[in-house]
Amino acid sequence: MRNVPAIAAAIGLSIPAIPAFVQPAVSYEVEKYTVYCADERIEISFWDLAQMIVRRGNPVCAFATYTSYSDAITFAQKNFGGEGSDCWC
């Protein structure tokens, strides 16, 4: 790999020093909220389907996934009557 500071100096450019405390940006995964039918009740959770099956057992089915908790609540309300309402897989 080329020595960028040496090349820059050779052509008359100066590269400002980067402080040691500066770290690269970190990207975070967006939290997702899924509307499930688990234990015959509507539930909204950030767990994925495999985790829900481990925690609640079978049958568990997923209906919709959102990046906003309020959108998941709205979906559950409009389609099933809200969290805790009866459902089946």
C-alpha atoms as a PDB file:
ATOM      1  CA  MET A   1       0.000   0.000   0.000  1.00  0.00           C
ATOM      2  CA  ARG A   2       1.253   3.477  -0.776  1.00  0.00           C
ATOM      3  CA  ASN A   3       2.402   5.900   1.872  1.00  0.00           C
ATOM      4  CA  VAL A   4      -0.207   8.637   1.416  1.00  0.00           C
ATOM      5  CA  PRO A   5       1.435  11.266   3.693  1.00  0.00           C
ATOM      6  CA  ALA A   6       4.770  10.850   1.878  1.00  0.00           C
ATOM      7  CA  ILE A   7       3.115  11.173  -1.524  1.00  0.00           C
ATOM      8  CA  ALA A   8       1.152  14.229  -0.393  1.00  0.00           C
ATOM      9  CA  ALA A   9       4.337  15.855   0.951  1.00  0.00           C
ATOM     10  CA  ALA A  10       6.153  15.114  -2.306  1.00  0.00           C
ATOM     11  CA  ILE A  11       3.576  17.053  -4.318  1.00  0.00           C
ATOM     12  CA  GLY A  12       3.349  19.882  -1.817  1.00  0.00           C
ATOM     13  CA  LEU A  13       0.132  18.997   0.028  1.00  0.00           C
ATOM     14  CA  SER A  14      -0.254  18.846   3.738  1.00  0.00           C
ATOM     15  CA  ILE A  15      -2.598  16.410   5.436  1.00  0.00           C
ATOM     16  CA  PRO A  16      -3.876  17.521   8.825  1.00  0.00           C
ATOM     17  CA  ALA A  17      -3.108  15.170  11.672  1.00  0.00           C
ATOM     18  CA  ILE A  18      -6.030  13.104  12.906  1.00  0.00           C
ATOM     19  CA  PRO A  19      -6.284  13.107  16.690  1.00  0.00           C
ATOM     20  CA  ALA A  20      -5.870   9.706  18.336  1.00  0.00           C
ATOM     21  CA  PHE A  21      -9.275   9.954  20.034  1.00  0.00           C
ATOM     22  CA  VAL A  22     -11.141  10.124  16.698  1.00  0.00           C
ATOM     23  CA  GLN A  23     -12.702   6.785  15.875  1.00  0.00           C
ATOM     24  CA  PRO A  24     -14.480   5.658  12.733  1.00  0.00           C
ATOM     25  CA  ALA A  25     -18.248   6.001  12.637  1.00  0.00           C
ATOM     26  CA  VAL A  26     -20.183   2.994  13.841  1.00  0.00           C
ATOM     27  CA  SER A  27     -23.413   1.978  12.191  1.00  0.00           C
ATOM     28  CA  TYR A  28     -26.165   0.505  14.275  1.00  0.00           C
ATOM     29  CA  GLU A  29     -28.817  -1.903  13.125  1.00  0.00           C
ATOM     30  CA  VAL A  30     -32.277  -0.398  13.169  1.00  0.00           C
ATOM     31  CA  GLU A  31     -34.580  -1.877  15.814  1.00  0.00           C
ATOM     32  CA  LYS A  32     -37.454  -3.781  14.233  1.00  0.00           C
ATOM     33  CA  TYR A  33     -40.831  -4.462  15.800  1.00  0.00           C
ATOM     34  CA  THR A  34     -42.877  -7.424  14.626  1.00  0.00           C
ATOM     35  CA  VAL A  35     -46.551  -8.133  15.176  1.00  0.00           C
ATOM     36  CA  TYR A  36     -46.911 -11.781  16.203  1.00  0.00           C
ATOM     37  CA  CYS A  37     -49.633 -14.201  17.095  1.00  0.00           C
ATOM     38  CA  ALA A  38     -48.249 -16.083  20.107  1.00  0.00           C
ATOM     39  CA  ASP A  39     -50.238 -18.076  22.647  1.00  0.00           C
ATOM     40  CA  GLU A  40     -53.349 -17.125  20.625  1.00  0.00           C
ATOM     41  CA  ARG A  41     -52.835 -13.421  21.433  1.00  0.00           C
ATOM     42  CA  ILE A  42     -51.454 -10.503  19.408  1.00  0.00           C
ATOM     43  CA  GLU A  43     -48.044  -9.446  20.674  1.00  0.00           C
ATOM     44  CA  ILE A  44     -45.550  -6.832  19.462  1.00  0.00           C
ATOM     45  CA  SER A  45     -41.909  -7.640  20.033  1.00  0.00           C
ATOM     46  CA  PHE A  46     -38.404  -6.786  18.859  1.00  0.00           C
ATOM     47  CA  TRP A  47     -37.435 -10.487  19.020  1.00  0.00           C
ATOM     48  CA  ASP A  48     -37.123 -12.326  15.703  1.00  0.00           C
ATOM     49  CA  LEU A  49     -39.328 -15.328  14.853  1.00  0.00           C
ATOM     50  CA  ALA A  50     -36.796 -17.933  16.039  1.00  0.00           C
ATOM     51  CA  GLN A  51     -36.489 -16.186  19.422  1.00  0.00           C
ATOM     52  CA  MET A  52     -40.268 -15.953  19.730  1.00  0.00           C
ATOM     53  CA  ILE A  53     -40.652 -19.672  19.098  1.00  0.00           C
ATOM     54  CA  VAL A  54     -38.050 -20.434  21.788  1.00  0.00           C
ATOM     55  CA  ARG A  55     -39.745 -18.087  24.274  1.00  0.00           C
ATOM     56  CA  ARG A  56     -43.397 -18.797  23.467  1.00  0.00           C
ATOM     57  CA  GLY A  57     -43.329 -22.236  21.837  1.00  0.00           C
ATOM     58  CA  ASN A  58     -45.279 -23.262  18.779  1.00  0.00           C
ATOM     59  CA  PRO A  59     -47.392 -22.043  17.132  1.00  0.00           C
ATOM     60  CA  VAL A  60     -46.070 -18.520  16.606  1.00  0.00           C
ATOM     61  CA  CYS A  61     -46.626 -16.605  13.412  1.00  0.00           C
ATOM     62  CA  ALA A  62     -45.417 -13.189  12.287  1.00  0.00           C
ATOM     63  CA  PHE A  63     -47.781 -10.795  10.516  1.00  0.00           C
ATOM     64  CA  ALA A  64     -45.789  -7.607   9.846  1.00  0.00           C
ATOM     65  CA  THR A  65     -42.484  -5.944  10.762  1.00  0.00           C
ATOM     66  CA  TYR A  66     -41.877  -2.211  11.250  1.00  0.00           C
ATOM     67  CA  THR A  67     -38.991   0.034  12.275  1.00  0.00           C
ATOM     68  CA  SER A  68     -41.375   2.068  14.404  1.00  0.00           C
ATOM     69  CA  TYR A  69     -43.133   0.705  17.478  1.00  0.00           C
ATOM     70  CA  SER A  70     -46.060   3.052  16.888  1.00  0.00           C
ATOM     71  CA  ASP A  71     -46.505   1.696  13.327  1.00  0.00           C
ATOM     72  CA  ALA A  72     -46.598  -1.846  14.718  1.00  0.00           C
ATOM     73  CA  ILE A  73     -49.224  -0.805  17.284  1.00  0.00           C
ATOM     74  CA  THR A  74     -51.291   0.867  14.549  1.00  0.00           C
ATOM     75  CA  PHE A  75     -51.141  -2.275  12.389  1.00  0.00           C
ATOM     76  CA  ALA A  76     -52.181  -4.480  15.318  1.00  0.00           C
ATOM     77  CA  GLN A  77     -55.034  -2.116  16.204  1.00  0.00           C
ATOM     78  CA  LYS A  78     -56.391  -1.812  12.659  1.00  0.00           C
ATOM     79  CA  ASN A  79     -56.139  -5.512  11.803  1.00  0.00           C
ATOM     80  CA  PHE A  80     -56.685  -7.357  15.068  1.00  0.00           C
ATOM     81  CA  GLY A  81     -58.081  -4.948  17.655  1.00  0.00           C
ATOM     82  CA  GLY A  82     -54.742  -4.245  19.303  1.00  0.00           C
ATOM     83  CA  GLU A  83     -52.164  -6.008  21.412  1.00  0.00           C
ATOM     84  CA  GLY A  84     -53.613  -8.810  23.512  1.00  0.00           C
ATOM     85  CA  SER A  85     -56.479  -9.486  21.091  1.00  0.00           C
ATOM     86  CA  ASP A  86     -57.345 -13.027  20.066  1.00  0.00           C
ATOM     87  CA  CYS A  87     -55.604 -14.551  17.028  1.00  0.00           C
ATOM     88  CA  TRP A  88     -54.608 -17.886  15.574  1.00  0.00           C
ATOM     89  CA  CYS A  89     -51.944 -19.210  13.229  1.00  0.00           C
END
